[in-house]
Amino acid sequence: VIAVVVTAGLFVLAHQLVSPVTIDVALSLSVL
């Protein structure tokens, strides 16, 4: 659980830092 949640969070954060995304995109990337 820790590994899945942390890596999903870092995955979204990396996308946000590279190219800021909207809330709906951030949420969908979290689901992905």
PDB file of all heavy atoms in Angstrom:
ATOM      1  N   VAL A   1       0.840  -1.204   0.000  1.00  0.00           N
ATOM      2  CA  VAL A   1       0.000   0.000   0.000  1.00  0.00           C
ATOM      3  C   VAL A   1       0.872   1.251   0.000  1.00  0.00           C
ATOM      4  O   VAL A   1       0.635   2.197  -0.766  1.00  0.00           O
ATOM      5  CB  VAL A   1      -0.945  -0.004   1.216  1.00  0.00           C
ATOM      6  CG1 VAL A   1      -1.646   1.351   1.346  1.00  0.00           C
ATOM      7  CG2 VAL A   1      -1.964  -1.123   1.090  1.00  0.00           C
ATOM      8  N   ILE A   2       1.879   1.269   0.856  1.00  0.00           N
ATOM      9  CA  ILE A   2       2.779   2.424   0.919  1.00  0.00           C
ATOM     10  C   ILE A   2       3.472   2.641  -0.428  1.00  0.00           C
ATOM     11  O   ILE A   2       3.546   3.771  -0.942  1.00  0.00           O
ATOM     12  CB  ILE A   2       3.814   2.232   2.036  1.00  0.00           C
ATOM     13  CG1 ILE A   2       3.128   2.302   3.406  1.00  0.00           C
ATOM     14  CG2 ILE A   2       4.922   3.286   1.946  1.00  0.00           C
ATOM     15  CD1 ILE A   2       4.022   1.908   4.562  1.00  0.00           C
ATOM     16  N   ALA A   3       3.988   1.569  -1.023  1.00  0.00           N
ATOM     17  CA  ALA A   3       4.712   1.687  -2.293  1.00  0.00           C
ATOM     18  C   ALA A   3       3.800   2.180  -3.405  1.00  0.00           C
ATOM     19  O   ALA A   3       4.187   3.049  -4.201  1.00  0.00           O
ATOM     20  CB  ALA A   3       5.327   0.339  -2.666  1.00  0.00           C
ATOM     21  N   VAL A   4       2.585   1.661  -3.484  1.00  0.00           N
ATOM     22  CA  VAL A   4       1.655   2.066  -4.544  1.00  0.00           C
ATOM     23  C   VAL A   4       1.255   3.526  -4.389  1.00  0.00           C
ATOM     24  O   VAL A   4       1.270   4.304  -5.359  1.00  0.00           O
ATOM     25  CB  VAL A   4       0.408   1.156  -4.536  1.00  0.00           C
ATOM     26  CG1 VAL A   4      -0.676   1.737  -5.456  1.00  0.00           C
ATOM     27  CG2 VAL A   4       0.771  -0.249  -4.985  1.00  0.00           C
ATOM     28  N   VAL A   5       0.907   3.935  -3.175  1.00  0.00           N
ATOM     29  CA  VAL A   5       0.439   5.309  -2.939  1.00  0.00           C
ATOM     30  C   VAL A   5       1.567   6.323  -3.143  1.00  0.00           C
ATOM     31  O   VAL A   5       1.380   7.361  -3.794  1.00  0.00           O
ATOM     32  CB  VAL A   5      -0.153   5.444  -1.524  1.00  0.00           C
ATOM     33  CG1 VAL A   5      -0.451   6.901  -1.197  1.00  0.00           C
ATOM     34  CG2 VAL A   5      -1.421   4.601  -1.402  1.00  0.00           C
ATOM     35  N   VAL A   6       2.746   6.037  -2.606  1.00  0.00           N
ATOM     36  CA  VAL A   6       3.863   6.977  -2.728  1.00  0.00           C
ATOM     37  C   VAL A   6       4.288   7.139  -4.185  1.00  0.00           C
ATOM     38  O   VAL A   6       4.509   8.266  -4.657  1.00  0.00           O
ATOM     39  CB  VAL A   6       5.055   6.521  -1.866  1.00  0.00           C
ATOM     40  CG1 VAL A   6       6.297   7.352  -2.176  1.00  0.00           C
ATOM     41  CG2 VAL A   6       4.714   6.638  -0.389  1.00  0.00           C
ATOM     42  N   THR A   7       4.407   6.044  -4.919  1.00  0.00           N
ATOM     43  CA  THR A   7       4.830   6.155  -6.313  1.00  0.00           C
ATOM     44  C   THR A   7       3.771   6.841  -7.168  1.00  0.00           C
ATOM     45  O   THR A   7       4.109   7.585  -8.098  1.00  0.00           O
ATOM     46  CB  THR A   7       5.167   4.775  -6.900  1.00  0.00           C
ATOM     47  OG1 THR A   7       4.069   3.865  -6.688  1.00  0.00           O
ATOM     48  CG2 THR A   7       6.411   4.195  -6.261  1.00  0.00           C
ATOM     49  N   ALA A   8       2.497   6.623  -6.864  1.00  0.00           N
ATOM     50  CA  ALA A   8       1.439   7.333  -7.591  1.00  0.00           C
ATOM     51  C   ALA A   8       1.524   8.829  -7.328  1.00  0.00           C
ATOM     52  O   ALA A   8       1.371   9.649  -8.249  1.00  0.00           O
ATOM     53  CB  ALA A   8       0.065   6.798  -7.193  1.00  0.00           C
ATOM     54  N   GLY A   9       1.793   9.200  -6.070  1.00  0.00           N
ATOM     55  CA  GLY A   9       1.928  10.613  -5.743  1.00  0.00           C
ATOM     56  C   GLY A   9       3.108  11.264  -6.444  1.00  0.00           C
ATOM     57  O   GLY A   9       2.998  12.383  -6.972  1.00  0.00           O
ATOM     58  N   LEU A  10       4.245  10.584  -6.458  1.00  0.00           N
ATOM     59  CA  LEU A  10       5.422  11.116  -7.142  1.00  0.00           C
ATOM     60  C   LEU A  10       5.206  11.191  -8.648  1.00  0.00           C
ATOM     61  O   LEU A  10       5.694  12.112  -9.315  1.00  0.00           O
ATOM     62  CB  LEU A  10       6.639  10.252  -6.827  1.00  0.00           C
ATOM     63  CG  LEU A  10       7.150  10.329  -5.384  1.00  0.00           C
ATOM     64  CD1 LEU A  10       8.268   9.310  -5.159  1.00  0.00           C
ATOM     65  CD2 LEU A  10       7.648  11.733  -5.069  1.00  0.00           C
ATOM     66  N   PHE A  11       4.462  10.243  -9.181  1.00  0.00           N
ATOM     67  CA  PHE A  11       4.127  10.227 -10.609  1.00  0.00           C
ATOM     68  C   PHE A  11       3.338  11.484 -10.982  1.00  0.00           C
ATOM     69  O   PHE A  11       3.646  12.158 -11.971  1.00  0.00           O
ATOM     70  CB  PHE A  11       3.323   8.960 -10.897  1.00  0.00           C
ATOM     71  CG  PHE A  11       2.790   8.832 -12.288  1.00  0.00           C
ATOM     72  CD1 PHE A  11       3.640   8.667 -13.361  1.00  0.00           C
ATOM     73  CD2 PHE A  11       1.419   8.848 -12.519  1.00  0.00           C
ATOM     74  CE1 PHE A  11       3.142   8.526 -14.653  1.00  0.00           C
ATOM     75  CE2 PHE A  11       0.911   8.709 -13.797  1.00  0.00           C
ATOM     76  CZ  PHE A  11       1.773   8.548 -14.868  1.00  0.00           C
ATOM     77  N   VAL A  12       2.350  11.825 -10.184  1.00  0.00           N
ATOM     78  CA  VAL A  12       1.545  13.024 -10.436  1.00  0.00           C
ATOM     79  C   VAL A  12       2.385  14.278 -10.230  1.00  0.00           C
ATOM     80  O   VAL A  12       2.324  15.224 -11.030  1.00  0.00           O
ATOM     81  CB  VAL A  12       0.307  13.051  -9.530  1.00  0.00           C
ATOM     82  CG1 VAL A  12      -0.476  14.348  -9.723  1.00  0.00           C
ATOM     83  CG2 VAL A  12      -0.583  11.849  -9.798  1.00  0.00           C
ATOM     84  N   LEU A  13       3.181  14.310  -9.162  1.00  0.00           N
ATOM     85  CA  LEU A  13       4.012  15.473  -8.875  1.00  0.00           C
ATOM     86  C   LEU A  13       4.997  15.743 -10.012  1.00  0.00           C
ATOM     87  O   LEU A  13       5.216  16.905 -10.395  1.00  0.00           O
ATOM     88  CB  LEU A  13       4.766  15.251  -7.565  1.00  0.00           C
ATOM     89  CG  LEU A  13       5.712  16.373  -7.134  1.00  0.00           C
ATOM     90  CD1 LEU A  13       4.941  17.661  -6.897  1.00  0.00           C
ATOM     91  CD2 LEU A  13       6.484  15.965  -5.880  1.00  0.00           C
ATOM     92  N   ALA A  14       5.597  14.686 -10.547  1.00  0.00           N
ATOM     93  CA  ALA A  14       6.536  14.858 -11.657  1.00  0.00           C
ATOM     94  C   ALA A  14       5.848  15.476 -12.860  1.00  0.00           C
ATOM     95  O   ALA A  14       6.400  16.384 -13.511  1.00  0.00           O
ATOM     96  CB  ALA A  14       7.154  13.507 -12.025  1.00  0.00           C
ATOM     97  N   HIS A  15       4.647  15.013 -13.189  1.00  0.00           N
ATOM     98  CA  HIS A  15       3.915  15.601 -14.315  1.00  0.00           C
ATOM     99  C   HIS A  15       3.581  17.068 -14.039  1.00  0.00           C
ATOM    100  O   HIS A  15       3.655  17.911 -14.942  1.00  0.00           O
ATOM    101  CB  HIS A  15       2.634  14.814 -14.576  1.00  0.00           C
ATOM    102  CG  HIS A  15       2.840  13.559 -15.355  1.00  0.00           C
ATOM    103  ND1 HIS A  15       3.312  12.402 -14.786  1.00  0.00           N
ATOM    104  CD2 HIS A  15       2.651  13.273 -16.679  1.00  0.00           C
ATOM    105  CE1 HIS A  15       3.396  11.458 -15.713  1.00  0.00           C
ATOM    106  NE2 HIS A  15       3.006  11.957 -16.867  1.00  0.00           N
ATOM    107  N   GLN A  16       3.217  17.357 -12.805  1.00  0.00           N
ATOM    108  CA  GLN A  16       2.859  18.732 -12.445  1.00  0.00           C
ATOM    109  C   GLN A  16       4.067  19.661 -12.561  1.00  0.00           C
ATOM    110  O   GLN A  16       3.939  20.808 -13.010  1.00  0.00           O
ATOM    111  CB  GLN A  16       2.302  18.765 -11.024  1.00  0.00           C
ATOM    112  CG  GLN A  16       1.866  20.140 -10.545  1.00  0.00           C
ATOM    113  CD  GLN A  16       0.637  20.654 -11.270  1.00  0.00           C
ATOM    114  OE1 GLN A  16      -0.181  19.873 -11.739  1.00  0.00           O
ATOM    115  NE2 GLN A  16       0.518  21.969 -11.384  1.00  0.00           N
ATOM    116  N   LEU A  17       5.238  19.185 -12.185  1.00  0.00           N
ATOM    117  CA  LEU A  17       6.436  20.011 -12.253  1.00  0.00           C
ATOM    118  C   LEU A  17       6.924  20.190 -13.682  1.00  0.00           C
ATOM    119  O   LEU A  17       7.458  21.249 -14.031  1.00  0.00           O
ATOM    120  CB  LEU A  17       7.543  19.397 -11.387  1.00  0.00           C
ATOM    121  CG  LEU A  17       7.281  19.392  -9.876  1.00  0.00           C
ATOM    122  CD1 LEU A  17       8.402  18.654  -9.146  1.00  0.00           C
ATOM    123  CD2 LEU A  17       7.150  20.813  -9.347  1.00  0.00           C
ATOM    124  N   VAL A  18       6.769  19.169 -14.499  1.00  0.00           N
ATOM    125  CA  VAL A  18       7.203  19.272 -15.898  1.00  0.00           C
ATOM    126  C   VAL A  18       6.289  20.196 -16.683  1.00  0.00           C
ATOM    127  O   VAL A  18       6.731  21.071 -17.430  1.00  0.00           O
ATOM    128  CB  VAL A  18       7.248  17.871 -16.554  1.00  0.00           C
ATOM    129  CG1 VAL A  18       7.454  17.983 -18.063  1.00  0.00           C
ATOM    130  CG2 VAL A  18       8.355  17.036 -15.945  1.00  0.00           C
ATOM    131  N   SER A  19       4.992  19.995 -16.540  1.00  0.00           N
ATOM    132  CA  SER A  19       4.006  20.809 -17.251  1.00  0.00           C
ATOM    133  C   SER A  19       2.740  20.858 -16.414  1.00  0.00           C
ATOM    134  O   SER A  19       2.022  19.855 -16.335  1.00  0.00           O
ATOM    135  CB  SER A  19       3.706  20.226 -18.635  1.00  0.00           C
ATOM    136  OG  SER A  19       2.737  20.988 -19.319  1.00  0.00           O
ATOM    137  N   PRO A  20       2.479  22.002 -15.751  1.00  0.00           N
ATOM    138  CA  PRO A  20       1.328  22.092 -14.849  1.00  0.00           C
ATOM    139  C   PRO A  20       0.043  21.593 -15.493  1.00  0.00           C
ATOM    140  O   PRO A  20      -0.258  21.914 -16.648  1.00  0.00           O
ATOM    141  CB  PRO A  20       1.247  23.592 -14.543  1.00  0.00           C
ATOM    142  CG  PRO A  20       2.662  24.068 -14.683  1.00  0.00           C
ATOM    143  CD  PRO A  20       3.229  23.261 -15.819  1.00  0.00           C
ATOM    144  N   VAL A  21      -0.702  20.786 -14.761  1.00  0.00           N
ATOM    145  CA  VAL A  21      -1.920  20.179 -15.289  1.00  0.00           C
ATOM    146  C   VAL A  21      -3.123  20.654 -14.479  1.00  0.00           C
ATOM    147  O   VAL A  21      -2.986  21.142 -13.354  1.00  0.00           O
ATOM    148  CB  VAL A  21      -1.837  18.639 -15.244  1.00  0.00           C
ATOM    149  CG1 VAL A  21      -0.719  18.141 -16.141  1.00  0.00           C
ATOM    150  CG2 VAL A  21      -1.609  18.147 -13.811  1.00  0.00           C
ATOM    151  N   THR A  22      -4.296  20.509 -15.069  1.00  0.00           N
ATOM    152  CA  THR A  22      -5.528  20.890 -14.384  1.00  0.00           C
ATOM    153  C   THR A  22      -5.878  19.844 -13.328  1.00  0.00           C
ATOM    154  O   THR A  22      -5.308  18.746 -13.293  1.00  0.00           O
ATOM    155  CB  THR A  22      -6.672  21.011 -15.389  1.00  0.00           C
ATOM    156  OG1 THR A  22      -6.830  19.755 -16.069  1.00  0.00           O
ATOM    157  CG2 THR A  22      -6.382  22.103 -16.420  1.00  0.00           C
ATOM    158  N   ILE A  23      -6.833  20.179 -12.472  1.00  0.00           N
ATOM    159  CA  ILE A  23      -7.212  19.279 -11.381  1.00  0.00           C
ATOM    160  C   ILE A  23      -7.730  17.949 -11.911  1.00  0.00           C
ATOM    161  O   ILE A  23      -7.388  16.879 -11.392  1.00  0.00           O
ATOM    162  CB  ILE A  23      -8.268  19.944 -10.480  1.00  0.00           C
ATOM    163  CG1 ILE A  23      -7.664  21.143  -9.755  1.00  0.00           C
ATOM    164  CG2 ILE A  23      -8.833  18.942  -9.467  1.00  0.00           C
ATOM    165  CD1 ILE A  23      -8.634  21.900  -8.876  1.00  0.00           C
ATOM    166  N   ASP A  24      -8.552  17.992 -12.975  1.00  0.00           N
ATOM    167  CA  ASP A  24      -9.108  16.745 -13.493  1.00  0.00           C
ATOM    168  C   ASP A  24      -8.015  15.844 -14.057  1.00  0.00           C
ATOM    169  O   ASP A  24      -8.058  14.620 -13.902  1.00  0.00           O
ATOM    170  CB  ASP A  24     -10.180  17.024 -14.550  1.00  0.00           C
ATOM    171  CG  ASP A  24      -9.631  17.747 -15.765  1.00  0.00           C
ATOM    172  OD1 ASP A  24      -9.368  18.956 -15.656  1.00  0.00           O
ATOM    173  OD2 ASP A  24      -9.458  17.100 -16.824  1.00  0.00           O
ATOM    174  N   VAL A  25      -7.007  16.451 -14.699  1.00  0.00           N
ATOM    175  CA  VAL A  25      -5.896  15.654 -15.231  1.00  0.00           C
ATOM    176  C   VAL A  25      -5.067  15.081 -14.090  1.00  0.00           C
ATOM    177  O   VAL A  25      -4.660  13.910 -14.127  1.00  0.00           O
ATOM    178  CB  VAL A  25      -5.016  16.505 -16.169  1.00  0.00           C
ATOM    179  CG1 VAL A  25      -3.770  15.717 -16.600  1.00  0.00           C
ATOM    180  CG2 VAL A  25      -5.804  16.936 -17.395  1.00  0.00           C
ATOM    181  N   ALA A  26      -4.820  15.892 -13.049  1.00  0.00           N
ATOM    182  CA  ALA A  26      -4.066  15.406 -11.900  1.00  0.00           C
ATOM    183  C   ALA A  26      -4.780  14.231 -11.223  1.00  0.00           C
ATOM    184  O   ALA A  26      -4.155  13.244 -10.833  1.00  0.00           O
ATOM    185  CB  ALA A  26      -3.848  16.537 -10.901  1.00  0.00           C
ATOM    186  N   LEU A  27      -6.090  14.339 -11.113  1.00  0.00           N
ATOM    187  CA  LEU A  27      -6.856  13.247 -10.499  1.00  0.00           C
ATOM    188  C   LEU A  27      -6.820  11.991 -11.365  1.00  0.00           C
ATOM    189  O   LEU A  27      -6.689  10.876 -10.847  1.00  0.00           O
ATOM    190  CB  LEU A  27      -8.300  13.689 -10.267  1.00  0.00           C
ATOM    191  CG  LEU A  27      -8.515  14.734  -9.168  1.00  0.00           C
ATOM    192  CD1 LEU A  27      -9.973  15.184  -9.137  1.00  0.00           C
ATOM    193  CD2 LEU A  27      -8.103  14.182  -7.807  1.00  0.00           C
ATOM    194  N   SER A  28      -6.937  12.165 -12.676  1.00  0.00           N
ATOM    195  CA  SER A  28      -6.908  10.998 -13.558  1.00  0.00           C
ATOM    196  C   SER A  28      -5.521  10.361 -13.556  1.00  0.00           C
ATOM    197  O   SER A  28      -5.400   9.124 -13.614  1.00  0.00           O
ATOM    198  CB  SER A  28      -7.317  11.383 -14.981  1.00  0.00           C
ATOM    199  OG  SER A  28      -6.390  12.281 -15.560  1.00  0.00           O
ATOM    200  N   LEU A  29      -4.463  11.165 -13.461  1.00  0.00           N
ATOM    201  CA  LEU A  29      -3.114  10.611 -13.353  1.00  0.00           C
ATOM    202  C   LEU A  29      -2.939   9.871 -12.031  1.00  0.00           C
ATOM    203  O   LEU A  29      -2.239   8.849 -11.967  1.00  0.00           O
ATOM    204  CB  LEU A  29      -2.073  11.721 -13.470  1.00  0.00           C
ATOM    205  CG  LEU A  29      -1.883  12.339 -14.856  1.00  0.00           C
ATOM    206  CD1 LEU A  29      -0.915  13.515 -14.790  1.00  0.00           C
ATOM    207  CD2 LEU A  29      -1.388  11.302 -15.860  1.00  0.00           C
ATOM    208  N   SER A  30      -3.591  10.371 -10.980  1.00  0.00           N
ATOM    209  CA  SER A  30      -3.557   9.662  -9.692  1.00  0.00           C
ATOM    210  C   SER A  30      -4.209   8.295  -9.810  1.00  0.00           C
ATOM    211  O   SER A  30      -3.678   7.288  -9.314  1.00  0.00           O
ATOM    212  CB  SER A  30      -4.269  10.487  -8.615  1.00  0.00           C
ATOM    213  OG  SER A  30      -3.672  11.740  -8.431  1.00  0.00           O
ATOM    214  N   VAL A  31      -5.366   8.253 -10.481  1.00  0.00           N
ATOM    215  CA  VAL A  31      -6.055   6.978 -10.690  1.00  0.00           C
ATOM    216  C   VAL A  31      -5.184   6.039 -11.511  1.00  0.00           C
ATOM    217  O   VAL A  31      -5.045   4.849 -11.197  1.00  0.00           O
ATOM    218  CB  VAL A  31      -7.411   7.200 -11.383  1.00  0.00           C
ATOM    219  CG1 VAL A  31      -8.058   5.863 -11.743  1.00  0.00           C
ATOM    220  CG2 VAL A  31      -8.345   8.008 -10.489  1.00  0.00           C
ATOM    221  N   LEU A  32      -4.568   6.585 -12.569  1.00  0.00           N
ATOM    222  CA  LEU A  32      -3.693   5.767 -13.412  1.00  0.00           C
ATOM    223  C   LEU A  32      -2.535   5.204 -12.600  1.00  0.00           C
ATOM    224  O   LEU A  32      -2.206   4.015 -12.705  1.00  0.00           O
ATOM    225  CB  LEU A  32      -3.169   6.607 -14.579  1.00  0.00           C
ATOM    226  CG  LEU A  32      -2.197   5.906 -15.531  1.00  0.00           C
ATOM    227  CD1 LEU A  32      -2.892   4.753 -16.250  1.00  0.00           C
ATOM    228  CD2 LEU A  32      -1.619   6.900 -16.543  1.00  0.00           C
TER     229      LEU A  32
END
